[in-house]
Amino acid sequence: MLFSRQAKQAGKEPAAQAGTHSGDQPADKGGKQPGRLGSRIGRKKTVTLTEIQSKLLELADPKYKEFHQGLVPTLNPDKIIGVRTPAVRTLAKQMRKDALNDPQAAEKLNAFLQDLPHEYYDENQLHAMIIAEEKDFDLALRQVEAFLPYIDNWATCDQLSPKAFRKKPDELLPHIYSWIDSGETYMIRFGVVTLMNNYLGDNFLPGQMEKVAAIRSDEYYVKMAVAWYFATALGKRFDIARNYIEKRRLDPWTHNKTIAKCMDSDRVVEEHKNYLRMLRLPKSEAGEDS
């Protein structure tokens, strides 16, 4: 059972969460500062620790907590316990496994998923990883819809990638567009990242790329998601994505950030990188410091 066995402590990993490689820490130069937290985020006082909070505290790594604070600078450091990603993932899988075999464990799991907002960032990461393992499409969608309004950082947003979403791409697409149209920073980002992860292959339609190109936001983490999407698209569907760069369909800052991401991408061939370098806008035009 979850509360009678110790989850395995993981060794150091090079990136804190899925999506870290996208370079989504706020830069000192260029772009807007990190956006506001979701408008519906609440705060609750902890009187006593829950069983899950106690388990996460057992797995805490003080050095990782210190390192991780720089990755999610929009969060209060006191809300970060500091549990490494593999350890959180192991705990999530164990909770789901226990829930399949024990009604009491299932009740505790459901109670955790419904107890929103969570107190700690690490609880949000655990929540995202539990949903990611859900195999039932309809249930995964309900769980995502319930959780999305409480996501308050880019790392949890990018961690939330349900495997079940791959089963019904046509049914999922209207929900993605709704998230993109929501006006909420991390809902928009989640929609863009979900399109990037699941719709640049066999499920691609030109209208999806058009939807992302039409996004206009002053929020740093939205602009970075759009740049990440187009950098990935230029690696996978260059002949289509190039038109958005050639015709300057993105805002100037995101245009240049997309090209910068392409320079660091293994998906983009050198010939295409050389071409994209010529399409960079002057720093003054892109709102970058000289």
C-alpha atoms as a PDB file:
ATOM      1  CA  MET A   1       0.000   0.000   0.000  1.00  0.00           C
ATOM      2  CA  LEU A   2       1.039   3.592  -0.610  1.00  0.00           C
ATOM      3  CA  PHE A   3       1.234   4.621   3.017  1.00  0.00           C
ATOM      4  CA  SER A   4       3.124   1.538   4.213  1.00  0.00           C
ATOM      5  CA  ARG A   5       5.967   1.446   1.698  1.00  0.00           C
ATOM      6  CA  GLN A   6       8.654   3.941   0.807  1.00  0.00           C
ATOM      7  CA  ALA A   7       8.715   5.254  -2.745  1.00  0.00           C
ATOM      8  CA  LYS A   8      12.153   4.972  -4.300  1.00  0.00           C
ATOM      9  CA  GLN A   9      14.278   8.080  -4.035  1.00  0.00           C
ATOM     10  CA  ALA A  10      15.607   9.004  -7.469  1.00  0.00           C
ATOM     11  CA  GLY A  11      19.041  10.195  -8.473  1.00  0.00           C
ATOM     12  CA  LYS A  12      19.759  13.549 -10.025  1.00  0.00           C
ATOM     13  CA  GLU A  13      18.265  14.266 -13.383  1.00  0.00           C
ATOM     14  CA  PRO A  14      19.436  16.982 -15.766  1.00  0.00           C
ATOM     15  CA  ALA A  15      16.039  18.671 -16.145  1.00  0.00           C
ATOM     16  CA  ALA A  16      13.490  19.336 -13.485  1.00  0.00           C
ATOM     17  CA  GLN A  17      10.316  18.596 -15.399  1.00  0.00           C
ATOM     18  CA  ALA A  18       9.043  17.778 -18.837  1.00  0.00           C
ATOM     19  CA  GLY A  19       9.366  20.919 -20.855  1.00  0.00           C
ATOM     20  CA  THR A  20      12.427  22.293 -19.072  1.00  0.00           C
ATOM     21  CA  HIS A  21      14.423  21.953 -22.275  1.00  0.00           C
ATOM     22  CA  SER A  22      12.100  24.479 -23.851  1.00  0.00           C
ATOM     23  CA  GLY A  23      13.977  27.259 -22.075  1.00  0.00           C
ATOM     24  CA  ASP A  24      10.922  28.547 -20.258  1.00  0.00           C
ATOM     25  CA  GLN A  25      12.664  30.191 -17.348  1.00  0.00           C
ATOM     26  CA  PRO A  26      12.256  33.956 -17.619  1.00  0.00           C
ATOM     27  CA  ALA A  27      15.162  35.530 -19.448  1.00  0.00           C
ATOM     28  CA  ASP A  28      16.898  38.645 -18.223  1.00  0.00           C
ATOM     29  CA  LYS A  29      16.625  40.113 -21.690  1.00  0.00           C
ATOM     30  CA  GLY A  30      13.691  40.183 -24.066  1.00  0.00           C
ATOM     31  CA  GLY A  31      10.062  39.323 -23.591  1.00  0.00           C
ATOM     32  CA  LYS A  32       7.674  40.106 -20.811  1.00  0.00           C
ATOM     33  CA  GLN A  33       8.215  39.192 -17.232  1.00  0.00           C
ATOM     34  CA  PRO A  34       6.411  36.075 -15.952  1.00  0.00           C
ATOM     35  CA  GLY A  35       2.635  36.452 -16.108  1.00  0.00           C
ATOM     36  CA  ARG A  36       0.155  36.617 -13.295  1.00  0.00           C
ATOM     37  CA  LEU A  37      -1.042  33.483 -11.603  1.00  0.00           C
ATOM     38  CA  GLY A  38      -4.382  32.080 -12.691  1.00  0.00           C
ATOM     39  CA  SER A  39      -7.202  34.274 -11.459  1.00  0.00           C
ATOM     40  CA  ARG A  40      -8.948  31.407  -9.748  1.00  0.00           C
ATOM     41  CA  ILE A  41      -6.013  30.198  -7.677  1.00  0.00           C
ATOM     42  CA  GLY A  42      -6.864  30.125  -3.991  1.00  0.00           C
ATOM     43  CA  ARG A  43      -4.830  29.760  -0.831  1.00  0.00           C
ATOM     44  CA  LYS A  44      -5.648  27.493   2.083  1.00  0.00           C
ATOM     45  CA  LYS A  45      -4.009  27.174   5.457  1.00  0.00           C
ATOM     46  CA  THR A  46      -2.614  23.811   6.476  1.00  0.00           C
ATOM     47  CA  VAL A  47      -3.462  22.884  10.042  1.00  0.00           C
ATOM     48  CA  THR A  48      -2.209  19.310   9.899  1.00  0.00           C
ATOM     49  CA  LEU A  49      -0.296  17.531   7.178  1.00  0.00           C
ATOM     50  CA  THR A  50      -2.178  15.084   5.017  1.00  0.00           C
ATOM     51  CA  GLU A  51      -0.804  11.592   4.479  1.00  0.00           C
ATOM     52  CA  ILE A  52       0.287  12.509   0.958  1.00  0.00           C
ATOM     53  CA  GLN A  53       2.006  15.691   2.122  1.00  0.00           C
ATOM     54  CA  SER A  54       3.842  13.674   4.772  1.00  0.00           C
ATOM     55  CA  LYS A  55       4.944  11.163   2.133  1.00  0.00           C
ATOM     56  CA  LEU A  56       6.232  13.951  -0.116  1.00  0.00           C
ATOM     57  CA  LEU A  57       8.122  15.487   2.799  1.00  0.00           C
ATOM     58  CA  GLU A  58       9.789  12.112   3.415  1.00  0.00           C
ATOM     59  CA  LEU A  59      11.020  12.193  -0.185  1.00  0.00           C
ATOM     60  CA  ALA A  60      12.221  15.803  -0.093  1.00  0.00           C
ATOM     61  CA  ASP A  61      15.730  16.698  -1.225  1.00  0.00           C
ATOM     62  CA  PRO A  62      16.822  20.102   0.193  1.00  0.00           C
ATOM     63  CA  LYS A  63      19.415  20.635  -2.544  1.00  0.00           C
ATOM     64  CA  TYR A  64      16.864  19.897  -5.240  1.00  0.00           C
ATOM     65  CA  LYS A  65      14.401  22.286  -3.611  1.00  0.00           C
ATOM     66  CA  GLU A  66      17.006  25.054  -3.758  1.00  0.00           C
ATOM     67  CA  PHE A  67      17.806  24.274  -7.394  1.00  0.00           C
ATOM     68  CA  HIS A  68      14.162  23.997  -8.372  1.00  0.00           C
ATOM     69  CA  GLN A  69      13.194  27.391  -6.992  1.00  0.00           C
ATOM     70  CA  GLY A  70      15.005  28.980  -9.935  1.00  0.00           C
ATOM     71  CA  LEU A  71      13.011  26.892 -12.436  1.00  0.00           C
ATOM     72  CA  VAL A  72       9.614  28.069 -11.211  1.00  0.00           C
ATOM     73  CA  PRO A  73      10.296  31.657 -10.079  1.00  0.00           C
ATOM     74  CA  THR A  74       6.599  32.588 -10.049  1.00  0.00           C
ATOM     75  CA  LEU A  75       6.031  30.371  -7.001  1.00  0.00           C
ATOM     76  CA  ASN A  76       6.533  31.062  -3.319  1.00  0.00           C
ATOM     77  CA  PRO A  77       9.638  29.023  -2.331  1.00  0.00           C
ATOM     78  CA  ASP A  78       7.831  27.897   0.826  1.00  0.00           C
ATOM     79  CA  LYS A  79       5.356  26.063  -1.408  1.00  0.00           C
ATOM     80  CA  ILE A  80       8.075  23.873  -2.958  1.00  0.00           C
ATOM     81  CA  ILE A  81       8.913  20.710  -1.004  1.00  0.00           C
ATOM     82  CA  GLY A  82      11.683  19.621  -3.361  1.00  0.00           C
ATOM     83  CA  VAL A  83      10.857  16.066  -4.487  1.00  0.00           C
ATOM     84  CA  ARG A  84      12.669  14.882  -7.591  1.00  0.00           C
ATOM     85  CA  THR A  85      10.539  14.106 -10.641  1.00  0.00           C
ATOM     86  CA  PRO A  86      11.243  10.325 -10.816  1.00  0.00           C
ATOM     87  CA  ALA A  87      10.272   9.972  -7.146  1.00  0.00           C
ATOM     88  CA  VAL A  88       6.995  11.845  -7.719  1.00  0.00           C
ATOM     89  CA  ARG A  89       6.277   9.687 -10.775  1.00  0.00           C
ATOM     90  CA  THR A  90       6.935   6.495  -8.782  1.00  0.00           C
ATOM     91  CA  LEU A  91       4.548   7.693  -6.095  1.00  0.00           C
ATOM     92  CA  ALA A  92       1.860   8.518  -8.668  1.00  0.00           C
ATOM     93  CA  LYS A  93       2.075   5.070 -10.228  1.00  0.00           C
ATOM     94  CA  GLN A  94       1.978   3.391  -6.814  1.00  0.00           C
ATOM     95  CA  MET A  95      -1.109   5.349  -5.798  1.00  0.00           C
ATOM     96  CA  ARG A  96      -2.894   4.324  -8.995  1.00  0.00           C
ATOM     97  CA  LYS A  97      -1.848   0.690  -8.557  1.00  0.00           C
ATOM     98  CA  ASP A  98      -3.042   0.605  -4.951  1.00  0.00           C
ATOM     99  CA  ALA A  99      -6.354   2.202  -5.960  1.00  0.00           C
ATOM    100  CA  LEU A 100      -7.039  -0.655  -8.384  1.00  0.00           C
ATOM    101  CA  ASN A 101      -6.719  -3.249  -5.616  1.00  0.00           C
ATOM    102  CA  ASP A 102      -8.062  -1.522  -2.520  1.00  0.00           C
ATOM    103  CA  PRO A 103     -11.286   0.509  -2.213  1.00  0.00           C
ATOM    104  CA  GLN A 104      -9.833   2.524   0.664  1.00  0.00           C
ATOM    105  CA  ALA A 105      -6.800   3.476  -1.437  1.00  0.00           C
ATOM    106  CA  ALA A 106      -9.116   4.384  -4.311  1.00  0.00           C
ATOM    107  CA  GLU A 107     -11.108   6.630  -1.986  1.00  0.00           C
ATOM    108  CA  LYS A 108      -7.920   8.376  -0.827  1.00  0.00           C
ATOM    109  CA  LEU A 109      -6.771   8.851  -4.415  1.00  0.00           C
ATOM    110  CA  ASN A 110     -10.078  10.386  -5.459  1.00  0.00           C
ATOM    111  CA  ALA A 111     -10.101  12.603  -2.373  1.00  0.00           C
ATOM    112  CA  PHE A 112      -6.652  13.899  -3.277  1.00  0.00           C
ATOM    113  CA  LEU A 113      -7.695  14.703  -6.847  1.00  0.00           C
ATOM    114  CA  GLN A 114     -10.728  16.607  -5.582  1.00  0.00           C
ATOM    115  CA  ASP A 115      -8.889  18.502  -2.828  1.00  0.00           C
ATOM    116  CA  LEU A 116      -8.138  21.645  -4.815  1.00  0.00           C
ATOM    117  CA  PRO A 117      -6.268  23.898  -4.644  1.00  0.00           C
ATOM    118  CA  HIS A 118      -3.338  21.927  -3.291  1.00  0.00           C
ATOM    119  CA  GLU A 119      -1.015  23.504  -0.776  1.00  0.00           C
ATOM    120  CA  TYR A 120       2.289  22.560  -2.399  1.00  0.00           C
ATOM    121  CA  TYR A 121       3.774  22.636  -5.882  1.00  0.00           C
ATOM    122  CA  ASP A 122       4.867  19.007  -5.441  1.00  0.00           C
ATOM    123  CA  GLU A 123       1.241  18.017  -4.865  1.00  0.00           C
ATOM    124  CA  ASN A 124       0.347  19.657  -8.174  1.00  0.00           C
ATOM    125  CA  GLN A 125       3.123  17.698  -9.875  1.00  0.00           C
ATOM    126  CA  LEU A 126       1.817  14.490  -8.334  1.00  0.00           C
ATOM    127  CA  HIS A 127      -1.715  15.359  -9.450  1.00  0.00           C
ATOM    128  CA  ALA A 128      -0.542  15.946 -13.024  1.00  0.00           C
ATOM    129  CA  MET A 129       1.342  12.652 -13.129  1.00  0.00           C
ATOM    130  CA  ILE A 130      -1.653  10.725 -11.799  1.00  0.00           C
ATOM    131  CA  ILE A 131      -3.863  12.140 -14.562  1.00  0.00           C
ATOM    132  CA  ALA A 132      -1.153  11.474 -17.154  1.00  0.00           C
ATOM    133  CA  GLU A 133      -1.439   7.741 -16.443  1.00  0.00           C
ATOM    134  CA  GLU A 134      -5.231   7.620 -16.851  1.00  0.00           C
ATOM    135  CA  LYS A 135      -6.205   5.376 -19.778  1.00  0.00           C
ATOM    136  CA  ASP A 136      -9.896   6.291 -20.037  1.00  0.00           C
ATOM    137  CA  PHE A 137     -10.308   9.287 -22.357  1.00  0.00           C
ATOM    138  CA  ASP A 138     -13.528  10.678 -20.867  1.00  0.00           C
ATOM    139  CA  LEU A 139     -12.272  10.375 -17.303  1.00  0.00           C
ATOM    140  CA  ALA A 140      -8.910  11.929 -18.184  1.00  0.00           C
ATOM    141  CA  LEU A 141     -10.683  14.851 -19.855  1.00  0.00           C
ATOM    142  CA  ARG A 142     -12.898  15.447 -16.802  1.00  0.00           C
ATOM    143  CA  GLN A 143      -9.888  15.311 -14.519  1.00  0.00           C
ATOM    144  CA  VAL A 144      -7.956  17.762 -16.697  1.00  0.00           C
ATOM    145  CA  GLU A 145     -10.885  20.191 -16.862  1.00  0.00           C
ATOM    146  CA  ALA A 146     -11.188  20.097 -13.068  1.00  0.00           C
ATOM    147  CA  PHE A 147      -7.446  20.616 -12.506  1.00  0.00           C
ATOM    148  CA  LEU A 148      -6.570  23.197 -15.160  1.00  0.00           C
ATOM    149  CA  PRO A 149      -7.981  26.257 -13.339  1.00  0.00           C
ATOM    150  CA  TYR A 150      -5.607  25.582 -10.437  1.00  0.00           C
ATOM    151  CA  ILE A 151      -2.372  25.222 -12.398  1.00  0.00           C
ATOM    152  CA  ASP A 152      -0.152  28.160 -11.489  1.00  0.00           C
ATOM    153  CA  ASN A 153       3.205  27.414 -13.126  1.00  0.00           C
ATOM    154  CA  TRP A 154       4.680  26.289 -16.442  1.00  0.00           C
ATOM    155  CA  ALA A 155       6.266  23.076 -15.120  1.00  0.00           C
ATOM    156  CA  THR A 156       3.016  21.540 -13.873  1.00  0.00           C
ATOM    157  CA  CYS A 157       1.292  22.714 -17.052  1.00  0.00           C
ATOM    158  CA  ASP A 158       3.823  20.910 -19.238  1.00  0.00           C
ATOM    159  CA  GLN A 159       3.838  17.829 -16.989  1.00  0.00           C
ATOM    160  CA  LEU A 160       0.110  17.332 -17.581  1.00  0.00           C
ATOM    161  CA  SER A 161       0.167  15.173 -20.712  1.00  0.00           C
ATOM    162  CA  PRO A 162      -2.509  12.444 -20.495  1.00  0.00           C
ATOM    163  CA  LYS A 163      -1.767   9.338 -22.514  1.00  0.00           C
ATOM    164  CA  ALA A 164      -5.499   8.863 -23.070  1.00  0.00           C
ATOM    165  CA  PHE A 165      -5.659  12.036 -25.163  1.00  0.00           C
ATOM    166  CA  ARG A 166      -3.986  10.211 -28.036  1.00  0.00           C
ATOM    167  CA  LYS A 167      -6.992   7.902 -28.368  1.00  0.00           C
ATOM    168  CA  LYS A 168      -9.560  10.448 -29.597  1.00  0.00           C
ATOM    169  CA  PRO A 169      -7.777  13.352 -31.308  1.00  0.00           C
ATOM    170  CA  ASP A 170     -10.890  14.517 -33.190  1.00  0.00           C
ATOM    171  CA  GLU A 171     -12.947  14.632 -30.011  1.00  0.00           C
ATOM    172  CA  LEU A 172     -10.192  16.384 -28.087  1.00  0.00           C
ATOM    173  CA  LEU A 173      -9.525  19.170 -30.598  1.00  0.00           C
ATOM    174  CA  PRO A 174     -12.548  21.393 -29.723  1.00  0.00           C
ATOM    175  CA  HIS A 175     -11.484  21.290 -26.068  1.00  0.00           C
ATOM    176  CA  ILE A 176      -7.975  22.374 -27.037  1.00  0.00           C
ATOM    177  CA  TYR A 177      -9.360  25.330 -28.950  1.00  0.00           C
ATOM    178  CA  SER A 178     -11.516  26.229 -25.962  1.00  0.00           C
ATOM    179  CA  TRP A 179      -8.444  26.268 -23.694  1.00  0.00           C
ATOM    180  CA  ILE A 180      -6.573  28.448 -26.166  1.00  0.00           C
ATOM    181  CA  ASP A 181      -9.504  30.873 -26.255  1.00  0.00           C
ATOM    182  CA  SER A 182      -9.888  30.934 -22.452  1.00  0.00           C
ATOM    183  CA  GLY A 183      -7.729  33.976 -21.755  1.00  0.00           C
ATOM    184  CA  GLU A 184      -6.076  32.091 -18.851  1.00  0.00           C
ATOM    185  CA  THR A 185      -2.284  31.878 -19.076  1.00  0.00           C
ATOM    186  CA  TYR A 186      -1.798  28.218 -18.281  1.00  0.00           C
ATOM    187  CA  MET A 187      -4.937  27.020 -20.051  1.00  0.00           C
ATOM    188  CA  ILE A 188      -3.676  28.683 -23.224  1.00  0.00           C
ATOM    189  CA  ARG A 189      -0.228  27.200 -22.736  1.00  0.00           C
ATOM    190  CA  PHE A 190      -1.698  23.749 -22.065  1.00  0.00           C
ATOM    191  CA  GLY A 191      -3.699  23.910 -25.286  1.00  0.00           C
ATOM    192  CA  VAL A 192      -0.660  24.947 -27.323  1.00  0.00           C
ATOM    193  CA  VAL A 193       1.618  22.297 -25.795  1.00  0.00           C
ATOM    194  CA  THR A 194      -1.052  19.625 -26.291  1.00  0.00           C
ATOM    195  CA  LEU A 195      -1.286  20.565 -29.970  1.00  0.00           C
ATOM    196  CA  MET A 196       2.487  20.422 -30.236  1.00  0.00           C
ATOM    197  CA  ASN A 197       2.740  17.008 -28.568  1.00  0.00           C
ATOM    198  CA  ASN A 198      -0.150  15.291 -30.325  1.00  0.00           C
ATOM    199  CA  TYR A 199      -0.994  17.084 -33.584  1.00  0.00           C
ATOM    200  CA  LEU A 200       2.169  17.703 -35.568  1.00  0.00           C
ATOM    201  CA  GLY A 201       2.227  14.128 -36.826  1.00  0.00           C
ATOM    202  CA  ASP A 202      -0.580  12.104 -38.406  1.00  0.00           C
ATOM    203  CA  ASN A 203      -3.264  14.232 -36.702  1.00  0.00           C
ATOM    204  CA  PHE A 204      -2.006  17.511 -38.164  1.00  0.00           C
ATOM    205  CA  LEU A 205      -4.354  19.945 -39.885  1.00  0.00           C
ATOM    206  CA  PRO A 206      -3.287  23.397 -41.157  1.00  0.00           C
ATOM    207  CA  GLY A 207      -6.011  25.061 -39.097  1.00  0.00           C
ATOM    208  CA  GLN A 208      -4.264  23.990 -35.919  1.00  0.00           C
ATOM    209  CA  MET A 209      -1.132  25.940 -36.815  1.00  0.00           C
ATOM    210  CA  GLU A 210      -3.280  28.908 -37.786  1.00  0.00           C
ATOM    211  CA  LYS A 211      -4.917  28.793 -34.347  1.00  0.00           C
ATOM    212  CA  VAL A 212      -1.558  29.033 -32.593  1.00  0.00           C
ATOM    213  CA  ALA A 213      -0.276  31.778 -34.894  1.00  0.00           C
ATOM    214  CA  ALA A 214      -3.331  33.907 -34.068  1.00  0.00           C
ATOM    215  CA  ILE A 215      -2.543  33.950 -30.333  1.00  0.00           C
ATOM    216  CA  ARG A 216      -1.642  37.371 -29.004  1.00  0.00           C
ATOM    217  CA  SER A 217      -0.659  37.666 -25.383  1.00  0.00           C
ATOM    218  CA  ASP A 218       1.680  39.680 -23.196  1.00  0.00           C
ATOM    219  CA  GLU A 219       2.175  36.664 -20.923  1.00  0.00           C
ATOM    220  CA  TYR A 220       5.719  35.313 -21.002  1.00  0.00           C
ATOM    221  CA  TYR A 221       4.721  31.668 -20.636  1.00  0.00           C
ATOM    222  CA  VAL A 222       2.160  31.913 -23.423  1.00  0.00           C
ATOM    223  CA  LYS A 223       4.621  33.549 -25.819  1.00  0.00           C
ATOM    224  CA  MET A 224       7.233  30.909 -24.980  1.00  0.00           C
ATOM    225  CA  ALA A 225       4.734  28.126 -25.666  1.00  0.00           C
ATOM    226  CA  VAL A 226       3.941  29.586 -29.097  1.00  0.00           C
ATOM    227  CA  ALA A 227       7.655  29.858 -29.887  1.00  0.00           C
ATOM    228  CA  TRP A 228       8.195  26.265 -28.717  1.00  0.00           C
ATOM    229  CA  TYR A 229       5.300  25.065 -30.885  1.00  0.00           C
ATOM    230  CA  PHE A 230       6.607  26.745 -34.034  1.00  0.00           C
ATOM    231  CA  ALA A 231      10.199  25.666 -33.422  1.00  0.00           C
ATOM    232  CA  THR A 232       8.923  22.084 -33.201  1.00  0.00           C
ATOM    233  CA  ALA A 233       6.712  22.589 -36.272  1.00  0.00           C
ATOM    234  CA  LEU A 234       9.701  23.885 -38.246  1.00  0.00           C
ATOM    235  CA  GLY A 235      11.435  20.624 -37.443  1.00  0.00           C
ATOM    236  CA  LYS A 236       8.502  18.410 -38.357  1.00  0.00           C
ATOM    237  CA  ARG A 237       6.586  20.374 -41.018  1.00  0.00           C
ATOM    238  CA  PHE A 238       9.034  22.939 -42.338  1.00  0.00           C
ATOM    239  CA  ASP A 239       7.310  23.623 -45.663  1.00  0.00           C
ATOM    240  CA  ILE A 240       4.127  24.709 -43.893  1.00  0.00           C
ATOM    241  CA  ALA A 241       5.574  26.351 -40.790  1.00  0.00           C
ATOM    242  CA  ARG A 242       8.096  28.418 -42.738  1.00  0.00           C
ATOM    243  CA  ASN A 243       5.249  30.513 -44.174  1.00  0.00           C
ATOM    244  CA  TYR A 244       4.446  31.859 -40.714  1.00  0.00           C
ATOM    245  CA  ILE A 245       8.033  33.025 -40.298  1.00  0.00           C
ATOM    246  CA  GLU A 246       8.478  34.353 -43.816  1.00  0.00           C
ATOM    247  CA  LYS A 247       5.230  36.334 -43.603  1.00  0.00           C
ATOM    248  CA  ARG A 248       5.901  37.466 -40.023  1.00  0.00           C
ATOM    249  CA  ARG A 249       2.653  36.031 -38.721  1.00  0.00           C
ATOM    250  CA  LEU A 250       3.916  35.905 -35.121  1.00  0.00           C
ATOM    251  CA  ASP A 251       4.513  38.900 -32.899  1.00  0.00           C
ATOM    252  CA  PRO A 252       8.114  40.154 -33.325  1.00  0.00           C
ATOM    253  CA  TRP A 253       9.453  38.875 -29.987  1.00  0.00           C
ATOM    254  CA  THR A 254       7.955  35.400 -30.505  1.00  0.00           C
ATOM    255  CA  HIS A 255       9.202  35.398 -34.115  1.00  0.00           C
ATOM    256  CA  ASN A 256      12.805  35.821 -32.976  1.00  0.00           C
ATOM    257  CA  LYS A 257      12.400  33.455 -30.034  1.00  0.00           C
ATOM    258  CA  THR A 258      11.107  30.765 -32.405  1.00  0.00           C
ATOM    259  CA  ILE A 259      14.181  31.134 -34.603  1.00  0.00           C
ATOM    260  CA  ALA A 260      16.449  31.061 -31.544  1.00  0.00           C
ATOM    261  CA  LYS A 261      14.841  27.805 -30.414  1.00  0.00           C
ATOM    262  CA  CYS A 262      15.368  26.332 -33.880  1.00  0.00           C
ATOM    263  CA  MET A 263      19.096  27.011 -33.578  1.00  0.00           C
ATOM    264  CA  ASP A 264      19.168  24.745 -30.510  1.00  0.00           C
ATOM    265  CA  SER A 265      16.938  22.051 -31.992  1.00  0.00           C
ATOM    266  CA  ASP A 266      18.177  18.725 -33.338  1.00  0.00           C
ATOM    267  CA  ARG A 267      14.953  18.427 -35.357  1.00  0.00           C
ATOM    268  CA  VAL A 268      15.792  21.386 -37.590  1.00  0.00           C
ATOM    269  CA  VAL A 269      18.380  20.523 -40.261  1.00  0.00           C
ATOM    270  CA  GLU A 270      21.357  22.823 -40.777  1.00  0.00           C
ATOM    271  CA  GLU A 271      20.151  24.007 -44.185  1.00  0.00           C
ATOM    272  CA  HIS A 272      16.904  25.219 -42.627  1.00  0.00           C
ATOM    273  CA  LYS A 273      18.741  26.830 -39.721  1.00  0.00           C
ATOM    274  CA  ASN A 274      20.881  28.837 -42.129  1.00  0.00           C
ATOM    275  CA  TYR A 275      17.749  30.034 -43.921  1.00  0.00           C
ATOM    276  CA  LEU A 276      15.970  30.959 -40.699  1.00  0.00           C
ATOM    277  CA  ARG A 277      18.953  32.992 -39.487  1.00  0.00           C
ATOM    278  CA  MET A 278      18.355  35.354 -42.382  1.00  0.00           C
ATOM    279  CA  LEU A 279      14.771  35.909 -41.237  1.00  0.00           C
ATOM    280  CA  ARG A 280      15.654  37.216 -37.788  1.00  0.00           C
ATOM    281  CA  LEU A 281      14.258  40.652 -37.021  1.00  0.00           C
ATOM    282  CA  PRO A 282      16.451  43.455 -35.652  1.00  0.00           C
ATOM    283  CA  LYS A 283      16.569  43.357 -31.875  1.00  0.00           C
ATOM    284  CA  SER A 284      15.040  46.808 -31.667  1.00  0.00           C
ATOM    285  CA  GLU A 285      12.048  45.653 -33.706  1.00  0.00           C
ATOM    286  CA  ALA A 286      11.641  42.490 -31.669  1.00  0.00           C
ATOM    287  CA  GLY A 287      11.675  44.358 -28.368  1.00  0.00           C
ATOM    288  CA  GLU A 288      14.990  42.839 -27.332  1.00  0.00           C
ATOM    289  CA  ASP A 289      17.835  44.646 -25.622  1.00  0.00           C
ATOM    290  CA  SER A 290      20.847  45.413 -27.777  1.00  0.00           C
END
